[in-house]
Amino acid sequence: DSVKGRFTISRDAAENSVSLQMNSLRVEDTAVYYCAASSM
């Protein structure tokens, strides 16, 4: 809920990648961001 409307996630299957576009960033968005993948 804290990022809805500001962040957009997208996938590129051909590149086997995921991206996160972060707009209207706030001080409280400061963090270490981790990419994660599941086999389930």
All heavy atoms as atom14 arrays in JSON, in Angstrom:
{
  "sequence": "DSVKGRFTISRDAAENSVSLQMNSLRVEDTAVYYCAASSM",
  "atom14_mask": [
    [1, 1, 1, 1, 1, 1, 1, 1, 0, 0, 0, 0, 0, 0],
    [1, 1, 1, 1, 1, 1, 0, 0, 0, 0, 0, 0, 0, 0],
    [1, 1, 1, 1, 1, 1, 1, 0, 0, 0, 0, 0, 0, 0],
    [1, 1, 1, 1, 1, 1, 1, 1, 1, 0, 0, 0, 0, 0],
    [1, 1, 1, 1, 0, 0, 0, 0, 0, 0, 0, 0, 0, 0],
    [1, 1, 1, 1, 1, 1, 1, 1, 1, 1, 1, 0, 0, 0],
    [1, 1, 1, 1, 1, 1, 1, 1, 1, 1, 1, 0, 0, 0],
    [1, 1, 1, 1, 1, 1, 1, 0, 0, 0, 0, 0, 0, 0],
    [1, 1, 1, 1, 1, 1, 1, 1, 0, 0, 0, 0, 0, 0],
    [1, 1, 1, 1, 1, 1, 0, 0, 0, 0, 0, 0, 0, 0],
    [1, 1, 1, 1, 1, 1, 1, 1, 1, 1, 1, 0, 0, 0],
    [1, 1, 1, 1, 1, 1, 1, 1, 0, 0, 0, 0, 0, 0],
    [1, 1, 1, 1, 1, 0, 0, 0, 0, 0, 0, 0, 0, 0],
    [1, 1, 1, 1, 1, 0, 0, 0, 0, 0, 0, 0, 0, 0],
    [1, 1, 1, 1, 1, 1, 1, 1, 1, 0, 0, 0, 0, 0],
    [1, 1, 1, 1, 1, 1, 1, 1, 0, 0, 0, 0, 0, 0],
    [1, 1, 1, 1, 1, 1, 0, 0, 0, 0, 0, 0, 0, 0],
    [1, 1, 1, 1, 1, 1, 1, 0, 0, 0, 0, 0, 0, 0],
    [1, 1, 1, 1, 1, 1, 0, 0, 0, 0, 0, 0, 0, 0],
    [1, 1, 1, 1, 1, 1, 1, 1, 0, 0, 0, 0, 0, 0],
    [1, 1, 1, 1, 1, 1, 1, 1, 1, 0, 0, 0, 0, 0],
    [1, 1, 1, 1, 1, 1, 1, 1, 0, 0, 0, 0, 0, 0],
    [1, 1, 1, 1, 1, 1, 1, 1, 0, 0, 0, 0, 0, 0],
    [1, 1, 1, 1, 1, 1, 0, 0, 0, 0, 0, 0, 0, 0],
    [1, 1, 1, 1, 1, 1, 1, 1, 0, 0, 0, 0, 0, 0],
    [1, 1, 1, 1, 1, 1, 1, 1, 1, 1, 1, 0, 0, 0],
    [1, 1, 1, 1, 1, 1, 1, 0, 0, 0, 0, 0, 0, 0],
    [1, 1, 1, 1, 1, 1, 1, 1, 1, 0, 0, 0, 0, 0],
    [1, 1, 1, 1, 1, 1, 1, 1, 0, 0, 0, 0, 0, 0],
    [1, 1, 1, 1, 1, 1, 1, 0, 0, 0, 0, 0, 0, 0],
    [1, 1, 1, 1, 1, 0, 0, 0, 0, 0, 0, 0, 0, 0],
    [1, 1, 1, 1, 1, 1, 1, 0, 0, 0, 0, 0, 0, 0],
    [1, 1, 1, 1, 1, 1, 1, 1, 1, 1, 1, 1, 0, 0],
    [1, 1, 1, 1, 1, 1, 1, 1, 1, 1, 1, 1, 0, 0],
    [1, 1, 1, 1, 1, 1, 0, 0, 0, 0, 0, 0, 0, 0],
    [1, 1, 1, 1, 1, 0, 0, 0, 0, 0, 0, 0, 0, 0],
    [1, 1, 1, 1, 1, 0, 0, 0, 0, 0, 0, 0, 0, 0],
    [1, 1, 1, 1, 1, 1, 0, 0, 0, 0, 0, 0, 0, 0],
    [1, 1, 1, 1, 1, 1, 0, 0, 0, 0, 0, 0, 0, 0],
    [1, 1, 1, 1, 1, 1, 1, 1, 0, 0, 0, 0, 0, 0]
  ],
  "atom14_positions": [
    [[0.82, -1.22, 0.0], [0.0, 0.0, 0.0], [0.85, 1.26, 0.0], [0.47, 2.28, -0.6], [-0.92, 0.0, 1.22], [-2.03, -1.02, 1.1], [-2.31, -1.5, -0.02], [-2.64, -1.36, 2.14], [0.0, 0.0, 0.0], [0.0, 0.0, 0.0], [0.0, 0.0, 0.0], [0.0, 0.0, 0.0], [0.0, 0.0, 0.0], [0.0, 0.0, 0.0]],
    [[2.0, 1.2, 0.65], [2.85, 2.39, 0.8], [3.46, 2.87, -0.52], [3.92, 4.01, -0.6], [3.96, 2.12, 1.8], [4.76, 1.03, 1.37], [0.0, 0.0, 0.0], [0.0, 0.0, 0.0], [0.0, 0.0, 0.0], [0.0, 0.0, 0.0], [0.0, 0.0, 0.0], [0.0, 0.0, 0.0], [0.0, 0.0, 0.0], [0.0, 0.0, 0.0]],
    [[3.47, 2.0, -1.55], [4.1, 2.39, -2.81], [3.12, 2.43, -3.98], [3.5, 2.83, -5.09], [5.29, 1.46, -3.15], [6.28, 1.4, -2.0], [4.81, 0.07, -3.55], [0.0, 0.0, 0.0], [0.0, 0.0, 0.0], [0.0, 0.0, 0.0], [0.0, 0.0, 0.0], [0.0, 0.0, 0.0], [0.0, 0.0, 0.0], [0.0, 0.0, 0.0]],
    [[1.89, 2.02, -3.75], [0.89, 2.02, -4.83], [0.74, 3.4, -5.43], [0.65, 4.4, -4.71], [-0.47, 1.54, -4.29], [-0.64, 0.05, -4.28], [-2.02, -0.32, -3.75], [-2.15, -1.82, -3.57], [-3.42, -2.2, -2.92], [0.0, 0.0, 0.0], [0.0, 0.0, 0.0], [0.0, 0.0, 0.0], [0.0, 0.0, 0.0], [0.0, 0.0, 0.0]],
    [[0.71, 3.45, -6.75], [0.55, 4.72, -7.44], [1.85, 5.46, -7.66], [1.9, 6.43, -8.42], [0.0, 0.0, 0.0], [0.0, 0.0, 0.0], [0.0, 0.0, 0.0], [0.0, 0.0, 0.0], [0.0, 0.0, 0.0], [0.0, 0.0, 0.0], [0.0, 0.0, 0.0], [0.0, 0.0, 0.0], [0.0, 0.0, 0.0], [0.0, 0.0, 0.0]],
    [[2.93, 5.03, -7.0], [4.24, 5.69, -7.14], [5.27, 4.77, -7.79], [6.13, 5.22, -8.55], [4.76, 6.15, -5.78], [3.85, 7.12, -5.07], [4.49, 7.68, -3.8], [4.82, 6.66, -2.82], [6.03, 6.42, -2.36], [7.06, 7.12, -2.79], [6.23, 5.47, -1.45], [0.0, 0.0, 0.0], [0.0, 0.0, 0.0], [0.0, 0.0, 0.0]],
    [[5.2, 3.48, -7.47], [6.16, 2.5, -8.0], [5.48, 1.63, -9.05], [4.29, 1.31, -8.93], [6.68, 1.6, -6.89], [7.58, 2.28, -5.88], [7.71, 3.66, -5.82], [8.29, 1.5, -4.96], [8.55, 4.26, -4.89], [9.12, 2.09, -4.02], [9.24, 3.48, -3.99], [0.0, 0.0, 0.0], [0.0, 0.0, 0.0], [0.0, 0.0, 0.0]],
    [[6.26, 1.23, -10.05], [5.75, 0.32, -11.08], [6.75, -0.8, -11.28], [7.93, -0.55, -11.57], [5.54, 1.06, -12.41], [4.62, 2.14, -12.22], [4.98, 0.1, -13.46], [0.0, 0.0, 0.0], [0.0, 0.0, 0.0], [0.0, 0.0, 0.0], [0.0, 0.0, 0.0], [0.0, 0.0, 0.0], [0.0, 0.0, 0.0], [0.0, 0.0, 0.0]],
    [[6.28, -2.03, -11.16], [7.13, -3.19, -11.38], [6.84, -3.76, -12.76], [5.7, -3.72, -13.25], [6.89, -4.26, -10.29], [7.94, -5.37, -10.36], [5.47, -4.86, -10.38], [7.92, -6.31, -9.17], [0.0, 0.0, 0.0], [0.0, 0.0, 0.0], [0.0, 0.0, 0.0], [0.0, 0.0, 0.0], [0.0, 0.0, 0.0], [0.0, 0.0, 0.0]],
    [[7.89, -4.26, -13.41], [7.7, -4.85, -14.73], [8.68, -6.01, -14.92], [9.73, -6.05, -14.28], [7.87, -3.8, -15.83], [9.14, -3.21, -15.76], [0.0, 0.0, 0.0], [0.0, 0.0, 0.0], [0.0, 0.0, 0.0], [0.0, 0.0, 0.0], [0.0, 0.0, 0.0], [0.0, 0.0, 0.0], [0.0, 0.0, 0.0], [0.0, 0.0, 0.0]],
    [[8.29, -6.91, -15.8], [9.11, -8.09, -16.09], [9.53, -8.08, -17.55], [8.82, -7.63, -18.44], [8.29, -9.36, -15.83], [7.94, -9.61, -14.39], [9.12, -10.13, -13.6], [9.6, -11.4, -14.06], [9.14, -12.57, -13.61], [8.21, -12.6, -12.69], [9.66, -13.71, -14.06], [0.0, 0.0, 0.0], [0.0, 0.0, 0.0], [0.0, 0.0, 0.0]],
    [[10.7, -8.62, -17.79], [11.18, -8.86, -19.14], [11.59, -10.32, -19.2], [12.68, -10.69, -18.77], [12.36, -7.93, -19.47], [12.78, -8.04, -20.92], [12.62, -9.12, -21.53], [13.28, -7.04, -21.46], [0.0, 0.0, 0.0], [0.0, 0.0, 0.0], [0.0, 0.0, 0.0], [0.0, 0.0, 0.0], [0.0, 0.0, 0.0], [0.0, 0.0, 0.0]],
    [[10.68, -11.14, -19.71], [10.93, -12.58, -19.72], [12.14, -12.93, -20.57], [12.93, -13.81, -20.22], [9.69, -13.32, -20.22], [0.0, 0.0, 0.0], [0.0, 0.0, 0.0], [0.0, 0.0, 0.0], [0.0, 0.0, 0.0], [0.0, 0.0, 0.0], [0.0, 0.0, 0.0], [0.0, 0.0, 0.0], [0.0, 0.0, 0.0], [0.0, 0.0, 0.0]],
    [[12.31, -12.24, -21.67], [13.42, -12.52, -22.57], [14.76, -12.25, -21.89], [15.75, -12.96, -22.12], [13.29, -11.71, -23.85], [0.0, 0.0, 0.0], [0.0, 0.0, 0.0], [0.0, 0.0, 0.0], [0.0, 0.0, 0.0], [0.0, 0.0, 0.0], [0.0, 0.0, 0.0], [0.0, 0.0, 0.0], [0.0, 0.0, 0.0], [0.0, 0.0, 0.0]],
    [[14.77, -11.21, -21.04], [16.01, -10.84, -20.35], [16.12, -11.51, -18.98], [17.12, -11.34, -18.3], [16.06, -9.32, -20.17], [16.16, -8.56, -21.49], [17.5, -8.8, -22.17], [18.53, -8.96, -21.48], [17.52, -8.85, -23.42], [0.0, 0.0, 0.0], [0.0, 0.0, 0.0], [0.0, 0.0, 0.0], [0.0, 0.0, 0.0], [0.0, 0.0, 0.0]],
    [[15.07, -12.26, -18.59], [15.07, -12.92, -17.29], [15.31, -11.89, -16.18], [16.16, -12.07, -15.29], [16.16, -14.01, -17.23], [15.83, -15.11, -16.25], [14.68, -15.34, -15.87], [16.88, -15.79, -15.79], [0.0, 0.0, 0.0], [0.0, 0.0, 0.0], [0.0, 0.0, 0.0], [0.0, 0.0, 0.0], [0.0, 0.0, 0.0], [0.0, 0.0, 0.0]],
    [[14.55, -10.8, -16.25], [14.79, -9.7, -15.33], [13.49, -9.09, -14.82], [12.4, -9.32, -15.37], [15.62, -8.61, -16.01], [14.88, -7.99, -17.03], [0.0, 0.0, 0.0], [0.0, 0.0, 0.0], [0.0, 0.0, 0.0], [0.0, 0.0, 0.0], [0.0, 0.0, 0.0], [0.0, 0.0, 0.0], [0.0, 0.0, 0.0], [0.0, 0.0, 0.0]],
    [[13.63, -8.32, -13.76], [12.52, -7.57, -13.19], [13.03, -6.17, -12.86], [14.18, -6.0, -12.46], [11.95, -8.26, -11.93], [12.99, -8.36, -10.83], [10.7, -7.55, -11.43], [0.0, 0.0, 0.0], [0.0, 0.0, 0.0], [0.0, 0.0, 0.0], [0.0, 0.0, 0.0], [0.0, 0.0, 0.0], [0.0, 0.0, 0.0], [0.0, 0.0, 0.0]],
    [[12.19, -5.17, -13.08], [12.61, -3.81, -12.8], [11.58, -3.13, -11.91], [10.42, -3.56, -11.83], [12.81, -3.01, -14.08], [11.6, -2.92, -14.8], [0.0, 0.0, 0.0], [0.0, 0.0, 0.0], [0.0, 0.0, 0.0], [0.0, 0.0, 0.0], [0.0, 0.0, 0.0], [0.0, 0.0, 0.0], [0.0, 0.0, 0.0], [0.0, 0.0, 0.0]],
    [[12.02, -2.07, -11.25], [11.14, -1.3, -10.37], [11.36, 0.18, -10.66], [12.43, 0.72, -10.36], [11.45, -1.6, -8.91], [10.5, -0.97, -7.88], [9.11, -1.6, -7.98], [11.05, -1.12, -6.47], [0.0, 0.0, 0.0], [0.0, 0.0, 0.0], [0.0, 0.0, 0.0], [0.0, 0.0, 0.0], [0.0, 0.0, 0.0], [0.0, 0.0, 0.0]],
    [[10.37, 0.81, -11.27], [10.41, 2.25, -11.5], [9.81, 2.94, -10.29], [8.65, 2.69, -9.95], [9.62, 2.61, -12.77], [9.55, 4.09, -13.05], [10.9, 4.69, -13.38], [11.68, 4.09, -14.12], [11.19, 5.86, -12.85], [0.0, 0.0, 0.0], [0.0, 0.0, 0.0], [0.0, 0.0, 0.0], [0.0, 0.0, 0.0], [0.0, 0.0, 0.0]],
    [[10.6, 3.79, -9.65], [10.17, 4.45, -8.42], [10.05, 5.95, -8.68], [11.06, 6.61, -8.97], [11.16, 4.18, -7.3], [11.39, 2.69, -7.05], [12.55, 2.37, -5.7], [14.08, 2.93, -6.45], [0.0, 0.0, 0.0], [0.0, 0.0, 0.0], [0.0, 0.0, 0.0], [0.0, 0.0, 0.0], [0.0, 0.0, 0.0], [0.0, 0.0, 0.0]],
    [[8.85, 6.46, -8.61], [8.58, 7.89, -8.81], [8.08, 8.51, -7.52], [7.67, 7.81, -6.59], [7.55, 8.08, -9.91], [8.0, 7.56, -11.26], [9.19, 7.56, -11.58], [7.06, 7.11, -12.08], [0.0, 0.0, 0.0], [0.0, 0.0, 0.0], [0.0, 0.0, 0.0], [0.0, 0.0, 0.0], [0.0, 0.0, 0.0], [0.0, 0.0, 0.0]],
    [[8.12, 9.83, -7.47], [7.64, 10.57, -6.29], [8.23, 10.0, -5.01], [7.53, 9.76, -4.02], [6.1, 10.52, -6.23], [5.54, 11.07, -7.4], [0.0, 0.0, 0.0], [0.0, 0.0, 0.0], [0.0, 0.0, 0.0], [0.0, 0.0, 0.0], [0.0, 0.0, 0.0], [0.0, 0.0, 0.0], [0.0, 0.0, 0.0], [0.0, 0.0, 0.0]],
    [[9.53, 9.8, -5.04], [10.2, 9.18, -3.9], [10.12, 10.06, -2.65], [10.16, 11.29, -2.74], [11.65, 8.87, -4.24], [11.83, 7.61, -5.1], [13.17, 7.62, -5.8], [11.66, 6.36, -4.25], [0.0, 0.0, 0.0], [0.0, 0.0, 0.0], [0.0, 0.0, 0.0], [0.0, 0.0, 0.0], [0.0, 0.0, 0.0], [0.0, 0.0, 0.0]],
    [[10.01, 9.38, -1.51], [9.91, 10.04, -0.21], [11.1, 9.65, 0.65], [11.73, 8.62, 0.43], [8.61, 9.63, 0.48], [7.35, 9.88, -0.33], [6.16, 9.18, 0.28], [4.93, 9.41, -0.48], [3.81, 8.74, -0.31], [3.75, 7.79, 0.63], [2.74, 9.01, -1.06], [0.0, 0.0, 0.0], [0.0, 0.0, 0.0], [0.0, 0.0, 0.0]],
    [[11.35, 10.44, 1.66], [12.46, 10.14, 2.56], [12.28, 8.75, 3.17], [13.24, 7.99, 3.33], [12.57, 11.2, 3.66], [13.57, 10.79, 4.72], [12.94, 12.56, 3.05], [0.0, 0.0, 0.0], [0.0, 0.0, 0.0], [0.0, 0.0, 0.0], [0.0, 0.0, 0.0], [0.0, 0.0, 0.0], [0.0, 0.0, 0.0], [0.0, 0.0, 0.0]],
    [[11.04, 8.4, 3.45], [10.76, 7.1, 4.08], [10.94, 5.92, 3.12], [10.83, 4.76, 3.55], [9.35, 7.06, 4.67], [8.25, 7.43, 3.7], [7.85, 8.91, 3.81], [8.75, 9.76, 4.01], [6.64, 9.19, 3.67], [0.0, 0.0, 0.0], [0.0, 0.0, 0.0], [0.0, 0.0, 0.0], [0.0, 0.0, 0.0], [0.0, 0.0, 0.0]],
    [[11.23, 6.17, 1.86], [11.56, 5.1, 0.92], [13.03, 4.7, 1.0], [13.45, 3.73, 0.36], [11.24, 5.52, -0.52], [9.76, 5.71, -0.77], [8.96, 4.89, -0.29], [9.4, 6.69, -1.47], [0.0, 0.0, 0.0], [0.0, 0.0, 0.0], [0.0, 0.0, 0.0], [0.0, 0.0, 0.0], [0.0, 0.0, 0.0], [0.0, 0.0, 0.0]],
    [[13.8, 5.45, 1.78], [15.21, 5.13, 1.94], [15.38, 3.73, 2.54], [14.81, 3.43, 3.59], [15.9, 6.16, 2.85], [15.88, 7.43, 2.2], [17.34, 5.76, 3.15], [0.0, 0.0, 0.0], [0.0, 0.0, 0.0], [0.0, 0.0, 0.0], [0.0, 0.0, 0.0], [0.0, 0.0, 0.0], [0.0, 0.0, 0.0], [0.0, 0.0, 0.0]],
    [[16.14, 2.88, 1.85], [16.31, 1.5, 2.29], [17.27, 0.79, 1.35], [17.62, 1.31, 0.29], [14.96, 0.77, 2.28], [0.0, 0.0, 0.0], [0.0, 0.0, 0.0], [0.0, 0.0, 0.0], [0.0, 0.0, 0.0], [0.0, 0.0, 0.0], [0.0, 0.0, 0.0], [0.0, 0.0, 0.0], [0.0, 0.0, 0.0], [0.0, 0.0, 0.0]],
    [[17.65, -0.41, 1.74], [18.31, -1.32, 0.83], [17.22, -2.14, 0.15], [16.39, -2.75, 0.83], [19.3, -2.25, 1.55], [19.93, -3.23, 0.56], [20.39, -1.43, 2.24], [0.0, 0.0, 0.0], [0.0, 0.0, 0.0], [0.0, 0.0, 0.0], [0.0, 0.0, 0.0], [0.0, 0.0, 0.0], [0.0, 0.0, 0.0], [0.0, 0.0, 0.0]],
    [[17.21, -2.12, -1.16], [16.21, -2.82, -1.94], [16.78, -4.14, -2.45], [17.84, -4.16, -3.08], [15.74, -1.96, -3.1], [14.81, -0.85, -2.66], [15.28, 0.24, -1.92], [13.45, -0.89, -2.97], [14.42, 1.23, -1.48], [12.59, 0.1, -2.54], [13.08, 1.16, -1.8], [12.23, 2.16, -1.37], [0.0, 0.0, 0.0], [0.0, 0.0, 0.0]],
    [[16.04, -5.22, -2.18], [16.47, -6.56, -2.55], [15.56, -7.14, -3.62], [14.33, -7.13, -3.49], [16.46, -7.49, -1.35], [17.43, -7.13, -0.27], [17.05, -6.31, 0.79], [18.75, -7.59, -0.31], [17.95, -5.97, 1.79], [19.65, -7.26, 0.69], [19.24, -6.45, 1.73], [20.14, -6.12, 2.72], [0.0, 0.0, 0.0], [0.0, 0.0, 0.0]],
    [[16.17, -7.67, -4.65], [15.45, -8.45, -5.65], [15.3, -9.87, -5.12], [16.21, -10.4, -4.46], [16.27, -8.45, -6.95], [15.63, -9.52, -8.23], [0.0, 0.0, 0.0], [0.0, 0.0, 0.0], [0.0, 0.0, 0.0], [0.0, 0.0, 0.0], [0.0, 0.0, 0.0], [0.0, 0.0, 0.0], [0.0, 0.0, 0.0], [0.0, 0.0, 0.0]],
    [[14.15, -10.49, -5.4], [13.91, -11.85, -4.94], [13.18, -12.65, -6.01], [12.39, -12.09, -6.77], [13.09, -11.83, -3.66], [0.0, 0.0, 0.0], [0.0, 0.0, 0.0], [0.0, 0.0, 0.0], [0.0, 0.0, 0.0], [0.0, 0.0, 0.0], [0.0, 0.0, 0.0], [0.0, 0.0, 0.0], [0.0, 0.0, 0.0], [0.0, 0.0, 0.0]],
    [[13.44, -13.94, -6.04], [12.78, -14.83, -7.0], [12.41, -16.13, -6.31], [13.09, -16.57, -5.37], [13.69, -15.1, -8.19], [0.0, 0.0, 0.0], [0.0, 0.0, 0.0], [0.0, 0.0, 0.0], [0.0, 0.0, 0.0], [0.0, 0.0, 0.0], [0.0, 0.0, 0.0], [0.0, 0.0, 0.0], [0.0, 0.0, 0.0], [0.0, 0.0, 0.0]],
    [[11.33, -16.71, -6.79], [10.85, -17.96, -6.2], [10.77, -19.05, -7.26], [10.53, -18.76, -8.44], [9.46, -17.73, -5.59], [8.93, -18.93, -5.08], [0.0, 0.0, 0.0], [0.0, 0.0, 0.0], [0.0, 0.0, 0.0], [0.0, 0.0, 0.0], [0.0, 0.0, 0.0], [0.0, 0.0, 0.0], [0.0, 0.0, 0.0], [0.0, 0.0, 0.0]],
    [[10.94, -20.28, -6.83], [10.78, -21.43, -7.73], [9.41, -22.06, -7.55], [9.13, -23.12, -8.09], [11.87, -22.47, -7.46], [11.72, -23.0, -6.16], [0.0, 0.0, 0.0], [0.0, 0.0, 0.0], [0.0, 0.0, 0.0], [0.0, 0.0, 0.0], [0.0, 0.0, 0.0], [0.0, 0.0, 0.0], [0.0, 0.0, 0.0], [0.0, 0.0, 0.0]],
    [[8.55, -21.4, -6.77], [7.2, -21.91, -6.51], [6.17, -21.04, -7.22], [6.34, -19.84, -7.36], [6.93, -21.89, -5.0], [7.83, -22.79, -4.2], [7.5, -22.69, -2.42], [8.36, -21.18, -2.01], [0.0, 0.0, 0.0], [0.0, 0.0, 0.0], [0.0, 0.0, 0.0], [0.0, 0.0, 0.0], [0.0, 0.0, 0.0], [0.0, 0.0, 0.0]]
  ]
}
